[in-house]
Amino acid sequence: MDPMMIDAMRTDRRRTDRFPIECELVYRMTGKRLAQEHGKGITIDISSGGVRFQADRPLIAGKRVEMAIRWPAQLDNRCNLKLMARGRVVRSEGNQAAVEIQQYEFRTMSRNGLTL
């Protein structure tokens, strides 16, 4: 096997393709001590297994998080959608965080805007 390909496989642990999508999101850290920690951000890229985003503050790797992401497509071209996701922060550098998605679902967005 080509040595360059082996190096690429070692450094890229992603199992799925990432798509560069910028969407507004809100998040809330879960857990007894973190229940009040929440904020806003913008996605950098999304895959079926995770999301990387710019948060309004540094997040702690290993902690669980819930997110609501404003989806760029509409239901029947008239109803806004949001992606609700739960997961774990797997990497954090500065205000950038990568979350492994463990559970997700699409919901219609209320008139109140993007909420958890």
N, C-alpha and C. Protein backbone atom coordinates (compact mmCIF):
# COMPACT_ATOMS: atom_id res chain seq x y z
N MET A 1 0.85 -1.19 0.00
CA MET A 1 0.00 0.00 0.00
C MET A 1 0.89 1.23 0.00
N ASP A 2 0.43 2.26 -0.67
CA ASP A 2 1.14 3.53 -0.79
C ASP A 2 1.33 4.16 0.59
N PRO A 3 2.57 4.54 0.98
CA PRO A 3 2.81 5.15 2.30
C PRO A 3 2.00 6.42 2.53
N MET A 4 1.77 7.23 1.47
CA MET A 4 0.96 8.45 1.62
C MET A 4 -0.48 8.09 2.01
N MET A 5 -1.01 7.02 1.44
CA MET A 5 -2.37 6.59 1.74
C MET A 5 -2.46 6.10 3.19
N ILE A 6 -1.45 5.41 3.65
CA ILE A 6 -1.43 4.93 5.03
C ILE A 6 -1.42 6.11 5.99
N ASP A 7 -0.60 7.14 5.71
CA ASP A 7 -0.56 8.34 6.56
C ASP A 7 -1.92 9.03 6.57
N ALA A 8 -2.56 9.13 5.42
CA ALA A 8 -3.88 9.77 5.34
C ALA A 8 -4.90 9.00 6.16
N MET A 9 -4.85 7.69 6.12
CA MET A 9 -5.79 6.87 6.89
C MET A 9 -5.56 7.03 8.39
N ARG A 10 -4.33 7.19 8.80
CA ARG A 10 -4.03 7.37 10.22
C ARG A 10 -4.53 8.71 10.74
N THR A 11 -4.38 9.78 9.94
CA THR A 11 -4.73 11.11 10.42
C THR A 11 -6.21 11.41 10.29
N ASP A 12 -6.93 10.77 9.36
CA ASP A 12 -8.34 11.04 9.15
C ASP A 12 -9.17 9.89 9.70
N ARG A 13 -9.70 10.07 10.91
CA ARG A 13 -10.44 9.01 11.58
C ARG A 13 -11.92 9.05 11.25
N ARG A 14 -12.35 9.98 10.42
CA ARG A 14 -13.76 10.10 10.09
C ARG A 14 -14.24 8.90 9.30
N ARG A 15 -15.42 8.44 9.62
CA ARG A 15 -16.03 7.31 8.92
C ARG A 15 -16.98 7.77 7.82
N THR A 16 -17.38 9.03 7.86
CA THR A 16 -18.34 9.55 6.89
C THR A 16 -17.83 10.86 6.31
N ASP A 17 -18.33 11.21 5.13
CA ASP A 17 -17.96 12.47 4.49
C ASP A 17 -18.54 13.65 5.26
N ARG A 18 -17.78 14.73 5.28
CA ARG A 18 -18.25 15.97 5.90
C ARG A 18 -18.68 16.93 4.81
N PHE A 19 -19.72 17.70 5.10
CA PHE A 19 -20.22 18.68 4.16
C PHE A 19 -20.11 20.06 4.77
N PRO A 20 -19.46 21.00 4.06
CA PRO A 20 -19.29 22.35 4.60
C PRO A 20 -20.61 23.11 4.56
N ILE A 21 -21.30 23.09 5.68
CA ILE A 21 -22.60 23.75 5.79
C ILE A 21 -22.55 24.73 6.97
N GLU A 22 -22.86 25.98 6.72
CA GLU A 22 -22.91 26.98 7.79
C GLU A 22 -24.36 27.22 8.19
N CYS A 23 -24.70 26.81 9.41
CA CYS A 23 -26.06 26.99 9.93
C CYS A 23 -25.97 27.50 11.37
N GLU A 24 -26.95 28.28 11.73
CA GLU A 24 -27.08 28.76 13.11
C GLU A 24 -27.43 27.58 14.01
N LEU A 25 -26.90 27.57 15.21
CA LEU A 25 -27.26 26.54 16.18
C LEU A 25 -27.29 27.10 17.58
N VAL A 26 -28.04 26.42 18.43
CA VAL A 26 -28.01 26.67 19.87
C VAL A 26 -27.66 25.35 20.53
N TYR A 27 -26.99 25.43 21.67
CA TYR A 27 -26.59 24.20 22.37
C TYR A 27 -26.81 24.34 23.86
N ARG A 28 -26.88 23.18 24.50
CA ARG A 28 -27.00 23.12 25.95
C ARG A 28 -26.18 21.92 26.42
N MET A 29 -25.30 22.17 27.36
CA MET A 29 -24.53 21.08 27.95
C MET A 29 -25.45 20.31 28.88
N THR A 30 -25.32 19.00 28.91
CA THR A 30 -26.17 18.19 29.78
C THR A 30 -25.34 17.58 30.89
N GLY A 31 -25.98 17.27 31.96
CA GLY A 31 -25.30 16.75 33.14
C GLY A 31 -25.65 17.61 34.34
N LYS A 32 -25.53 17.05 35.51
CA LYS A 32 -25.95 17.73 36.74
C LYS A 32 -25.28 19.08 36.94
N ARG A 33 -23.99 19.13 36.75
CA ARG A 33 -23.26 20.38 37.02
C ARG A 33 -23.27 21.35 35.85
N LEU A 34 -23.64 20.88 34.67
CA LEU A 34 -23.57 21.73 33.48
C LEU A 34 -24.93 22.14 32.95
N ALA A 35 -26.00 21.85 33.67
CA ALA A 35 -27.35 22.06 33.16
C ALA A 35 -27.62 23.50 32.73
N GLN A 36 -26.96 24.47 33.35
CA GLN A 36 -27.22 25.87 33.02
C GLN A 36 -26.30 26.40 31.93
N GLU A 37 -25.33 25.60 31.47
CA GLU A 37 -24.40 26.07 30.45
C GLU A 37 -25.00 25.88 29.06
N HIS A 38 -25.20 26.99 28.37
CA HIS A 38 -25.78 26.94 27.04
C HIS A 38 -25.22 28.11 26.22
N GLY A 39 -25.44 28.05 24.91
CA GLY A 39 -24.92 29.12 24.07
C GLY A 39 -25.36 28.97 22.63
N LYS A 40 -24.70 29.75 21.78
CA LYS A 40 -25.01 29.78 20.35
C LYS A 40 -23.74 29.53 19.56
N GLY A 41 -23.93 29.19 18.29
CA GLY A 41 -22.79 28.97 17.43
C GLY A 41 -23.19 28.89 15.97
N ILE A 42 -22.20 28.58 15.14
CA ILE A 42 -22.39 28.41 13.70
C ILE A 42 -21.66 27.12 13.30
N THR A 43 -22.37 26.27 12.54
CA THR A 43 -21.72 25.03 12.09
C THR A 43 -20.63 25.36 11.07
N ILE A 44 -19.61 24.52 11.06
CA ILE A 44 -18.53 24.61 10.08
C ILE A 44 -18.71 23.50 9.05
N ASP A 45 -18.92 22.29 9.55
CA ASP A 45 -19.24 21.16 8.68
C ASP A 45 -20.05 20.13 9.45
N ILE A 46 -20.78 19.32 8.66
CA ILE A 46 -21.69 18.33 9.24
C ILE A 46 -21.53 17.03 8.48
N SER A 47 -21.61 15.92 9.21
CA SER A 47 -21.67 14.60 8.59
C SER A 47 -22.76 13.82 9.30
N SER A 48 -23.02 12.61 8.86
CA SER A 48 -24.03 11.80 9.54
C SER A 48 -23.56 11.37 10.92
N GLY A 49 -22.27 11.46 11.18
CA GLY A 49 -21.74 11.04 12.47
C GLY A 49 -21.34 12.16 13.40
N GLY A 50 -21.35 13.41 12.91
CA GLY A 50 -20.92 14.49 13.79
C GLY A 50 -21.08 15.86 13.19
N VAL A 51 -20.78 16.84 14.01
CA VAL A 51 -20.85 18.24 13.59
C VAL A 51 -19.69 18.99 14.22
N ARG A 52 -19.08 19.88 13.43
CA ARG A 52 -18.03 20.75 13.95
C ARG A 52 -18.58 22.16 13.86
N PHE A 53 -18.42 22.92 14.95
CA PHE A 53 -18.98 24.27 14.97
C PHE A 53 -18.14 25.23 15.77
N GLN A 54 -18.36 26.51 15.49
CA GLN A 54 -17.74 27.61 16.22
C GLN A 54 -18.73 28.02 17.30
N ALA A 55 -18.36 27.84 18.55
CA ALA A 55 -19.23 28.17 19.68
C ALA A 55 -18.90 29.56 20.20
N ASP A 56 -19.74 30.06 21.08
CA ASP A 56 -19.50 31.37 21.67
C ASP A 56 -18.55 31.32 22.86
N ARG A 57 -18.10 30.11 23.21
CA ARG A 57 -17.13 29.92 24.29
C ARG A 57 -16.50 28.54 24.13
N PRO A 58 -15.37 28.28 24.78
CA PRO A 58 -14.77 26.94 24.69
C PRO A 58 -15.66 25.90 25.38
N LEU A 59 -15.74 24.72 24.80
CA LEU A 59 -16.50 23.61 25.38
C LEU A 59 -15.52 22.55 25.87
N ILE A 60 -15.94 21.76 26.83
CA ILE A 60 -15.08 20.76 27.46
C ILE A 60 -15.23 19.43 26.74
N ALA A 61 -14.11 18.90 26.23
CA ALA A 61 -14.13 17.59 25.57
C ALA A 61 -14.58 16.53 26.56
N GLY A 62 -15.39 15.59 26.07
CA GLY A 62 -15.90 14.51 26.89
C GLY A 62 -17.28 14.78 27.46
N LYS A 63 -17.72 16.02 27.46
CA LYS A 63 -19.03 16.36 28.02
C LYS A 63 -20.14 16.15 26.99
N ARG A 64 -21.34 15.86 27.48
CA ARG A 64 -22.50 15.63 26.63
C ARG A 64 -23.17 16.96 26.30
N VAL A 65 -23.76 17.02 25.09
CA VAL A 65 -24.36 18.27 24.62
C VAL A 65 -25.61 17.96 23.79
N GLU A 66 -26.57 18.86 23.87
CA GLU A 66 -27.76 18.82 23.02
C GLU A 66 -27.69 20.04 22.11
N MET A 67 -28.08 19.88 20.84
CA MET A 67 -28.01 20.98 19.88
C MET A 67 -29.29 21.06 19.07
N ALA A 68 -29.65 22.26 18.70
CA ALA A 68 -30.71 22.50 17.72
C ALA A 68 -30.04 23.29 16.60
N ILE A 69 -30.08 22.74 15.38
CA ILE A 69 -29.41 23.34 14.24
C ILE A 69 -30.46 23.75 13.21
N ARG A 70 -30.44 25.03 12.81
CA ARG A 70 -31.36 25.53 11.79
C ARG A 70 -31.00 24.85 10.47
N TRP A 71 -31.89 24.00 9.95
CA TRP A 71 -31.60 23.23 8.75
C TRP A 71 -31.78 24.11 7.51
N PRO A 72 -30.90 23.97 6.51
CA PRO A 72 -30.96 24.86 5.34
C PRO A 72 -32.09 24.54 4.34
N ALA A 73 -32.82 23.46 4.53
CA ALA A 73 -33.92 23.11 3.63
C ALA A 73 -35.24 23.21 4.37
N GLN A 74 -36.33 23.39 3.63
CA GLN A 74 -37.65 23.49 4.23
C GLN A 74 -38.48 22.24 3.91
N LEU A 75 -39.44 21.98 4.75
CA LEU A 75 -40.40 20.91 4.52
C LEU A 75 -41.48 21.45 3.59
N ASP A 76 -41.70 20.79 2.48
CA ASP A 76 -42.69 21.22 1.47
C ASP A 76 -42.46 22.66 0.99
N ASN A 77 -41.21 23.10 1.02
CA ASN A 77 -40.83 24.46 0.58
C ASN A 77 -41.55 25.57 1.34
N ARG A 78 -42.01 25.31 2.56
CA ARG A 78 -42.69 26.38 3.31
C ARG A 78 -42.53 26.30 4.82
N CYS A 79 -42.07 25.17 5.34
CA CYS A 79 -41.95 25.02 6.79
C CYS A 79 -40.48 24.82 7.17
N ASN A 80 -39.95 25.73 8.00
CA ASN A 80 -38.56 25.63 8.43
C ASN A 80 -38.35 24.41 9.32
N LEU A 81 -37.17 23.81 9.18
CA LEU A 81 -36.81 22.63 9.95
C LEU A 81 -35.61 22.90 10.84
N LYS A 82 -35.51 22.11 11.90
CA LYS A 82 -34.30 22.12 12.72
C LYS A 82 -33.88 20.69 12.96
N LEU A 83 -32.58 20.49 13.04
CA LEU A 83 -32.01 19.18 13.36
C LEU A 83 -31.72 19.19 14.86
N MET A 84 -32.36 18.30 15.58
CA MET A 84 -32.12 18.15 17.01
C MET A 84 -31.12 17.01 17.17
N ALA A 85 -30.02 17.25 17.86
CA ALA A 85 -28.99 16.23 17.99
C ALA A 85 -28.45 16.20 19.41
N ARG A 86 -28.09 15.01 19.84
CA ARG A 86 -27.42 14.80 21.13
C ARG A 86 -26.13 14.06 20.87
N GLY A 87 -25.13 14.39 21.65
CA GLY A 87 -23.86 13.71 21.47
C GLY A 87 -22.85 14.09 22.52
N ARG A 88 -21.60 13.87 22.16
CA ARG A 88 -20.49 14.09 23.08
C ARG A 88 -19.43 14.92 22.37
N VAL A 89 -18.88 15.90 23.08
CA VAL A 89 -17.80 16.72 22.54
C VAL A 89 -16.55 15.83 22.48
N VAL A 90 -16.04 15.60 21.27
CA VAL A 90 -14.87 14.73 21.13
C VAL A 90 -13.59 15.54 20.98
N ARG A 91 -13.69 16.79 20.50
CA ARG A 91 -12.53 17.66 20.38
C ARG A 91 -12.96 19.09 20.62
N SER A 92 -12.04 19.85 21.19
CA SER A 92 -12.30 21.27 21.42
C SER A 92 -10.98 22.01 21.34
N GLU A 93 -10.93 23.00 20.43
CA GLU A 93 -9.74 23.85 20.29
C GLU A 93 -10.22 25.29 20.24
N GLY A 94 -9.89 26.06 21.25
CA GLY A 94 -10.41 27.42 21.33
C GLY A 94 -11.92 27.35 21.43
N ASN A 95 -12.62 28.10 20.59
CA ASN A 95 -14.08 28.07 20.60
C ASN A 95 -14.65 27.09 19.57
N GLN A 96 -13.79 26.32 18.92
CA GLN A 96 -14.25 25.34 17.95
C GLN A 96 -14.42 23.98 18.62
N ALA A 97 -15.56 23.34 18.37
CA ALA A 97 -15.84 22.04 18.99
C ALA A 97 -16.31 21.05 17.94
N ALA A 98 -15.95 19.78 18.14
CA ALA A 98 -16.44 18.70 17.29
C ALA A 98 -17.27 17.78 18.18
N VAL A 99 -18.49 17.48 17.74
CA VAL A 99 -19.41 16.66 18.52
C VAL A 99 -19.74 15.39 17.74
N GLU A 100 -19.58 14.26 18.39
CA GLU A 100 -20.00 12.98 17.82
C GLU A 100 -21.49 12.85 18.08
N ILE A 101 -22.28 12.75 17.00
CA ILE A 101 -23.73 12.65 17.14
C ILE A 101 -24.10 11.21 17.51
N GLN A 102 -24.85 11.07 18.61
CA GLN A 102 -25.29 9.76 19.07
C GLN A 102 -26.78 9.55 18.85
N GLN A 103 -27.52 10.64 18.72
CA GLN A 103 -28.97 10.56 18.51
C GLN A 103 -29.40 11.83 17.81
N TYR A 104 -30.33 11.71 16.83
CA TYR A 104 -30.80 12.91 16.14
C TYR A 104 -32.20 12.71 15.59
N GLU A 105 -32.88 13.82 15.33
CA GLU A 105 -34.18 13.81 14.67
C GLU A 105 -34.44 15.19 14.10
N PHE A 106 -35.24 15.23 13.03
CA PHE A 106 -35.65 16.51 12.45
C PHE A 106 -37.00 16.88 13.04
N ARG A 107 -37.16 18.19 13.30
CA ARG A 107 -38.44 18.72 13.80
C ARG A 107 -38.76 19.99 13.03
N THR A 108 -40.04 20.32 13.01
CA THR A 108 -40.42 21.60 12.44
C THR A 108 -40.06 22.69 13.44
N MET A 109 -39.73 23.86 12.91
CA MET A 109 -39.30 24.94 13.79
C MET A 109 -40.49 25.83 14.15
N SER A 110 -40.60 26.19 15.40
CA SER A 110 -41.69 27.04 15.85
C SER A 110 -41.47 28.49 15.41
N ARG A 111 -42.47 29.28 15.56
CA ARG A 111 -42.36 30.71 15.20
C ARG A 111 -41.44 31.46 16.16
N ASN A 112 -41.17 30.85 17.32
CA ASN A 112 -40.28 31.47 18.31
C ASN A 112 -38.82 31.42 17.88
N GLY A 113 -38.55 30.74 16.79
CA GLY A 113 -37.17 30.64 16.31
C GLY A 113 -36.50 29.36 16.78
N LEU A 114 -35.21 29.41 16.82
CA LEU A 114 -34.40 28.23 17.12
C LEU A 114 -34.29 28.04 18.64
N THR A 115 -34.92 26.98 19.14
CA THR A 115 -34.90 26.68 20.58
C THR A 115 -34.65 25.21 20.79
N LEU A 116 -34.22 24.87 21.99
CA LEU A 116 -34.02 23.46 22.36
C LEU A 116 -35.28 22.89 22.93
